[in-house]
């Protein structure tokens, strides 16, 4: 008998969704926006942490030549570094070597079968100086060479990425709190309207001895369904958006082969599972609190 009552209460939660469609749409929309914003900032933060990890594993300085630079020109500059007493380490990577590093980091060789790395990927030299304080001077001197496109200072990049991560974290907390409050307010009002519409029925249920849990369950199920639907919609929108961004920018972020965004296969499962769990949890918890407040059960 108890199991039948429980199933009836769950079924009633599904029925509640149809009773106030406008409030339902508002609740799902705000839930979707809350989770979508959270997904975007989460993916951004995960990728930033990934890029910081890459930067921390590399030598402090990377010299990037222009694409199309001749091997002899790159080797001549590398030989000059051998004569510089301030250079304690230097390693010349060919376009082919940089291409292999890039492909192995993604683990998707089949995606690059027709990729002409000789036209897209340049020579690079990783450098470590005896005195890091002379890094800016070394950079300016290296850029005087007409074949060099850029000199990347990994310490500066790490500092920039860390600052960016702090800024993203602050902004995401503020935005998520604002959307969270709006979502909770609308869900609370959805439950309030549903409870008032069924006040007479609820009073009869109390009179004949229905337990508080039995009365609460339909409203909690209603909130959980709102959270689930919002999570599914936000996951679909985020998935399409992230795939588009990765397709256009993910493989050469910062114009460097080794600095790539995490692939969709790495990001989407984490974000989607978190979305569904958080959406159901928010919908269920705050629906339970709202029904307890408005129905006094």
Protein backbone atom coordinates (compact mmCIF):
# COMPACT_ATOMS: atom_id res chain seq x y z
CA UNK A 1 0.00 0.00 0.00
CA UNK A 2 2.79 2.42 0.90
CA UNK A 3 4.50 1.84 -2.44
CA UNK A 4 1.23 2.57 -4.29
CA UNK A 5 0.82 5.82 -2.38
CA UNK A 6 4.38 6.79 -3.20
CA UNK A 7 3.86 6.08 -6.91
CA UNK A 8 0.63 8.09 -6.86
CA UNK A 9 2.45 11.03 -5.27
CA UNK A 10 5.13 10.87 -7.99
CA UNK A 11 2.46 10.74 -10.71
CA UNK A 12 0.80 13.76 -9.14
CA UNK A 13 4.10 15.63 -9.45
CA UNK A 14 4.03 15.10 -13.23
CA UNK A 15 0.40 16.22 -13.35
CA UNK A 16 1.29 19.44 -11.50
CA UNK A 17 3.51 20.50 -14.40
CA UNK A 18 0.48 20.94 -16.69
CA UNK A 19 -1.57 23.09 -14.33
CA UNK A 20 0.28 26.43 -14.68
CA UNK A 21 2.15 26.43 -18.02
CA UNK A 22 3.29 30.09 -17.94
CA UNK A 23 4.86 29.76 -14.50
CA UNK A 24 6.36 26.44 -15.59
CA UNK A 25 7.96 28.04 -18.68
CA UNK A 26 9.37 30.88 -16.56
CA UNK A 27 10.81 28.40 -14.05
CA UNK A 28 12.40 26.20 -16.72
CA UNK A 29 13.81 29.22 -18.59
CA UNK A 30 15.48 30.73 -15.54
CA UNK A 31 16.79 27.33 -14.48
CA UNK A 32 18.19 26.81 -17.98
CA UNK A 33 19.89 30.25 -17.95
CA UNK A 34 21.34 29.64 -14.49
CA UNK A 35 22.83 26.29 -15.52
CA UNK A 36 23.97 27.58 -18.92
CA UNK A 37 25.86 30.48 -17.36
CA UNK A 38 27.35 28.10 -14.80
CA UNK A 39 28.37 25.70 -17.59
CA UNK A 40 30.06 28.44 -19.60
CA UNK A 41 32.07 29.74 -16.66
CA UNK A 42 32.93 26.19 -15.56
CA UNK A 43 34.24 25.26 -19.01
CA UNK A 44 36.21 28.51 -19.14
CA UNK A 45 37.74 27.85 -15.72
CA UNK A 46 38.59 24.22 -16.56
CA UNK A 47 40.32 25.28 -19.78
CA UNK A 48 42.21 28.05 -18.00
CA UNK A 49 43.44 25.56 -15.40
CA UNK A 50 44.46 23.26 -18.26
CA UNK A 51 46.43 26.06 -19.98
CA UNK A 52 48.11 27.05 -16.71
CA UNK A 53 49.21 23.44 -16.27
CA UNK A 54 50.69 23.38 -19.78
CA UNK A 55 52.50 26.68 -19.21
CA UNK A 56 53.93 25.44 -15.91
CA UNK A 57 55.47 22.37 -17.55
CA UNK A 58 57.31 24.29 -20.27
CA UNK A 59 60.63 26.16 -20.25
CA UNK A 60 60.20 29.84 -19.32
CA UNK A 61 60.77 31.13 -22.88
CA UNK A 62 59.57 29.90 -26.27
CA UNK A 63 60.72 31.49 -29.51
CA UNK A 64 58.30 31.08 -32.41
CA UNK A 65 59.51 31.60 -35.96
CA UNK A 66 57.30 32.75 -38.80
CA UNK A 67 55.71 29.96 -40.82
CA UNK A 68 57.75 29.28 -43.93
CA UNK A 69 61.06 30.10 -42.25
CA UNK A 70 63.90 28.08 -43.80
CA UNK A 71 65.52 25.36 -41.72
CA UNK A 72 68.94 26.99 -42.21
CA UNK A 73 67.71 30.29 -40.72
CA UNK A 74 66.23 28.57 -37.67
CA UNK A 75 69.39 26.51 -37.16
CA UNK A 76 71.61 29.59 -37.49
CA UNK A 77 69.70 31.35 -34.73
CA UNK A 78 69.86 28.21 -32.58
CA UNK A 79 73.65 28.18 -33.06
CA UNK A 80 73.81 31.80 -31.89
CA UNK A 81 72.06 30.77 -28.67
CA UNK A 82 74.79 28.18 -28.12
CA UNK A 83 77.29 31.03 -27.95
CA UNK A 84 75.20 33.11 -25.52
CA UNK A 85 76.55 32.62 -21.95
CA UNK A 86 73.16 33.58 -20.47
CA UNK A 87 71.41 30.65 -22.22
CA UNK A 88 71.65 27.48 -20.13
CA UNK A 89 69.23 25.42 -22.22
CA UNK A 90 67.85 25.63 -25.75
CA UNK A 91 66.06 23.10 -27.93
CA UNK A 92 65.06 23.58 -31.56
CA UNK A 93 61.80 21.89 -32.61
CA UNK A 94 60.97 21.43 -36.29
CA UNK A 95 57.43 21.90 -37.66
CA UNK A 96 57.12 18.12 -37.90
CA UNK A 97 58.13 17.67 -34.24
CA UNK A 98 55.70 20.38 -33.12
CA UNK A 99 52.96 18.76 -35.20
CA UNK A 100 53.58 15.36 -33.59
CA UNK A 101 53.50 16.91 -30.10
CA UNK A 102 50.25 18.67 -30.92
CA UNK A 103 48.54 15.56 -32.36
CA UNK A 104 49.71 13.32 -29.50
CA UNK A 105 48.32 15.79 -26.96
CA UNK A 106 44.87 15.52 -28.59
CA UNK A 107 45.03 11.78 -29.29
CA UNK A 108 43.08 12.17 -32.56
CA UNK A 109 45.50 11.35 -35.38
CA UNK A 110 42.67 10.64 -37.83
CA UNK A 111 41.46 14.26 -37.65
CA UNK A 112 44.71 15.55 -39.14
CA UNK A 113 45.38 13.15 -42.01
CA UNK A 114 45.07 15.96 -44.59
CA UNK A 115 46.64 18.66 -42.42
CA UNK A 116 49.63 20.42 -44.07
CA UNK A 117 51.72 21.15 -40.99
CA UNK A 118 54.58 22.65 -43.03
CA UNK A 119 52.38 25.61 -43.98
CA UNK A 120 50.69 26.02 -40.59
CA UNK A 121 53.20 25.06 -37.90
CA UNK A 122 56.53 26.91 -37.48
CA UNK A 123 59.93 26.15 -36.00
CA UNK A 124 60.19 26.88 -32.28
CA UNK A 125 63.02 27.04 -29.76
CA UNK A 126 62.55 26.45 -26.04
CA UNK A 127 65.00 28.48 -23.96
CA UNK A 128 65.98 28.73 -20.32
CA UNK A 129 68.14 31.64 -19.14
CA UNK A 130 70.72 31.67 -16.36
CA UNK A 131 69.26 34.97 -15.14
CA UNK A 132 65.45 35.14 -15.59
CA UNK A 133 65.56 38.88 -14.84
CA UNK A 134 67.11 39.43 -18.27
CA UNK A 135 64.13 37.81 -20.00
CA UNK A 136 62.67 41.04 -21.39
CA UNK A 137 66.05 42.11 -22.76
CA UNK A 138 66.50 38.68 -24.37
CA UNK A 139 63.03 38.90 -25.87
CA UNK A 140 63.59 42.32 -27.45
CA UNK A 141 66.95 41.26 -28.86
CA UNK A 142 65.47 38.07 -30.35
CA UNK A 143 62.62 39.97 -32.01
CA UNK A 144 65.18 41.94 -34.02
CA UNK A 145 65.57 38.80 -36.14
CA UNK A 146 63.26 39.15 -39.14
CA UNK A 147 62.37 35.44 -39.08
CA UNK A 148 61.00 35.48 -35.52
CA UNK A 149 57.27 36.08 -35.11
CA UNK A 150 56.98 36.14 -31.31
CA UNK A 151 58.85 35.34 -28.10
CA UNK A 152 56.57 33.96 -25.40
CA UNK A 153 57.47 34.41 -21.75
CA UNK A 154 55.76 31.56 -19.91
CA UNK A 155 56.05 33.27 -16.52
CA UNK A 156 54.12 36.25 -17.87
CA UNK A 157 51.59 33.94 -19.49
CA UNK A 158 51.04 32.01 -16.26
CA UNK A 159 50.59 35.27 -14.37
CA UNK A 160 48.09 36.48 -16.97
CA UNK A 161 46.16 33.19 -16.93
CA UNK A 162 46.04 33.16 -13.12
CA UNK A 163 44.73 36.73 -13.05
CA UNK A 164 42.16 35.82 -15.69
CA UNK A 165 41.07 32.79 -13.66
CA UNK A 166 40.58 34.93 -10.54
CA UNK A 167 38.52 37.42 -12.54
CA UNK A 168 36.40 34.69 -14.11
CA UNK A 169 35.80 33.09 -10.70
CA UNK A 170 34.65 36.40 -9.19
CA UNK A 171 32.35 37.27 -12.08
CA UNK A 172 30.91 33.74 -12.25
CA UNK A 173 30.09 33.74 -8.53
CA UNK A 174 28.26 37.07 -8.82
CA UNK A 175 26.31 36.07 -11.94
CA UNK A 176 25.41 32.61 -10.62
CA UNK A 177 24.24 34.05 -7.28
CA UNK A 178 22.00 36.57 -9.09
CA UNK A 179 20.52 33.93 -11.42
CA UNK A 180 20.25 31.52 -8.49
CA UNK A 181 18.19 33.97 -6.46
CA UNK A 182 15.91 34.66 -9.43
CA UNK A 183 15.49 30.92 -10.05
CA UNK A 184 14.71 30.18 -6.40
CA UNK A 185 12.19 33.05 -6.31
CA UNK A 186 10.35 31.81 -9.42
CA UNK A 187 10.36 28.16 -8.28
CA UNK A 188 9.06 29.25 -4.88
CA UNK A 189 6.22 31.16 -6.53
CA UNK A 190 5.48 28.21 -8.83
CA UNK A 191 5.06 25.97 -5.79
CA UNK A 192 3.06 28.67 -3.98
CA UNK A 193 0.61 29.00 -6.89
CA UNK A 194 0.29 25.22 -7.19
CA UNK A 195 -0.27 24.89 -3.44
CA UNK A 196 -2.91 27.62 -3.32
CA UNK A 197 -4.73 26.09 -6.29
CA UNK A 198 -4.87 22.77 -4.43
CA UNK A 199 -5.45 24.20 -0.94
CA UNK A 200 -8.92 22.66 -0.61
CA UNK A 201 -7.66 19.26 -1.79
CA UNK A 202 -4.66 19.43 0.57
CA UNK A 203 -6.88 20.26 3.55
CA UNK A 204 -9.03 17.22 2.80
CA UNK A 205 -5.91 15.06 2.55
CA UNK A 206 -4.75 16.34 5.95
CA UNK A 207 -8.18 15.70 7.43
CA UNK A 208 -8.23 12.05 6.33
CA UNK A 209 -4.74 11.48 7.73
CA UNK A 210 -2.34 11.91 4.80
CA UNK A 211 1.24 12.30 6.00
CA UNK A 212 3.24 15.47 5.43
CA UNK A 213 5.69 13.55 3.24
CA UNK A 214 2.85 12.29 1.03
CA UNK A 215 1.61 15.86 0.51
CA UNK A 216 5.10 17.26 -0.14
CA UNK A 217 6.32 14.65 -2.64
CA UNK A 218 4.31 15.88 -5.70
CA UNK A 219 5.66 19.42 -5.25
CA UNK A 220 9.24 18.20 -4.78
CA UNK A 221 8.92 16.00 -7.88
CA UNK A 222 7.59 19.02 -9.78
CA UNK A 223 10.64 21.07 -8.77
CA UNK A 224 13.03 18.25 -9.66
CA UNK A 225 11.44 17.91 -13.10
CA UNK A 226 11.86 21.65 -13.68
CA UNK A 227 15.53 21.28 -12.75
CA UNK A 228 15.96 18.26 -15.02
CA UNK A 229 14.30 19.90 -18.04
CA UNK A 230 16.31 23.10 -17.50
CA UNK A 231 19.51 21.03 -17.25
CA UNK A 232 18.77 19.16 -20.48
CA UNK A 233 18.05 22.37 -22.40
CA UNK A 234 21.16 24.12 -21.05
CA UNK A 235 23.31 21.05 -21.83
CA UNK A 236 22.10 20.97 -25.44
CA UNK A 237 22.77 24.70 -25.89
CA UNK A 238 26.17 24.46 -24.22
CA UNK A 239 27.13 21.38 -26.26
CA UNK A 240 26.39 23.07 -29.60
CA UNK A 241 28.16 26.25 -28.49
CA UNK A 242 31.30 24.54 -27.20
CA UNK A 243 31.58 22.34 -30.30
CA UNK A 244 31.40 25.43 -32.52
CA UNK A 245 34.04 27.27 -30.47
CA UNK A 246 36.37 24.26 -30.39
CA UNK A 247 36.00 23.71 -34.13
CA UNK A 248 37.02 27.30 -34.92
CA UNK A 249 39.47 28.19 -32.14
CA UNK A 250 40.23 25.17 -29.98
CA UNK A 251 43.19 23.76 -31.89
CA UNK A 252 45.34 26.88 -32.07
CA UNK A 253 44.37 29.01 -29.09
CA UNK A 254 46.92 31.81 -28.51
CA UNK A 255 48.25 30.92 -32.01
CA UNK A 256 50.30 28.09 -30.50
CA UNK A 257 49.99 24.42 -31.36
CA UNK A 258 50.64 23.21 -27.82
CA UNK A 259 48.07 25.55 -26.25
CA UNK A 260 44.81 23.87 -27.26
CA UNK A 261 41.42 23.89 -25.57
CA UNK A 262 40.19 20.65 -24.07
CA UNK A 263 38.19 18.67 -26.61
CA UNK A 264 34.40 18.35 -26.43
CA UNK A 265 34.77 14.72 -25.33
CA UNK A 266 36.77 15.87 -22.31
CA UNK A 267 34.54 18.80 -21.30
CA UNK A 268 30.95 17.87 -22.15
CA UNK A 269 30.49 14.75 -19.94
CA UNK A 270 31.74 16.62 -16.86
CA UNK A 271 29.63 19.72 -17.46
CA UNK A 272 26.45 17.84 -18.48
CA UNK A 273 26.52 15.50 -15.47
CA UNK A 274 27.13 18.46 -13.15
CA UNK A 275 24.24 20.37 -14.80
CA UNK A 276 21.78 17.53 -14.35
CA UNK A 277 22.80 16.88 -10.74
CA UNK A 278 22.72 20.57 -9.75
CA UNK A 279 19.45 21.24 -11.59
CA UNK A 280 17.64 18.34 -9.90
CA UNK A 281 19.12 19.24 -6.51
CA UNK A 282 18.17 22.94 -6.72
CA UNK A 283 14.66 22.15 -7.98
CA UNK A 284 14.03 19.47 -5.35
CA UNK A 285 15.49 21.24 -2.31
CA UNK A 286 13.89 24.64 -2.87
CA UNK A 287 10.55 23.13 -3.86
CA UNK A 288 10.59 21.21 -0.59
CA UNK A 289 11.36 24.37 1.38
CA UNK A 290 8.70 26.35 -0.50
CA UNK A 291 5.93 23.80 0.05
CA UNK A 292 6.83 23.58 3.72
CA UNK A 293 6.49 27.35 3.99
CA UNK A 294 3.30 27.82 1.96
CA UNK A 295 1.41 24.64 2.87
CA UNK A 296 2.75 24.18 6.40
CA UNK A 297 3.52 20.47 5.98
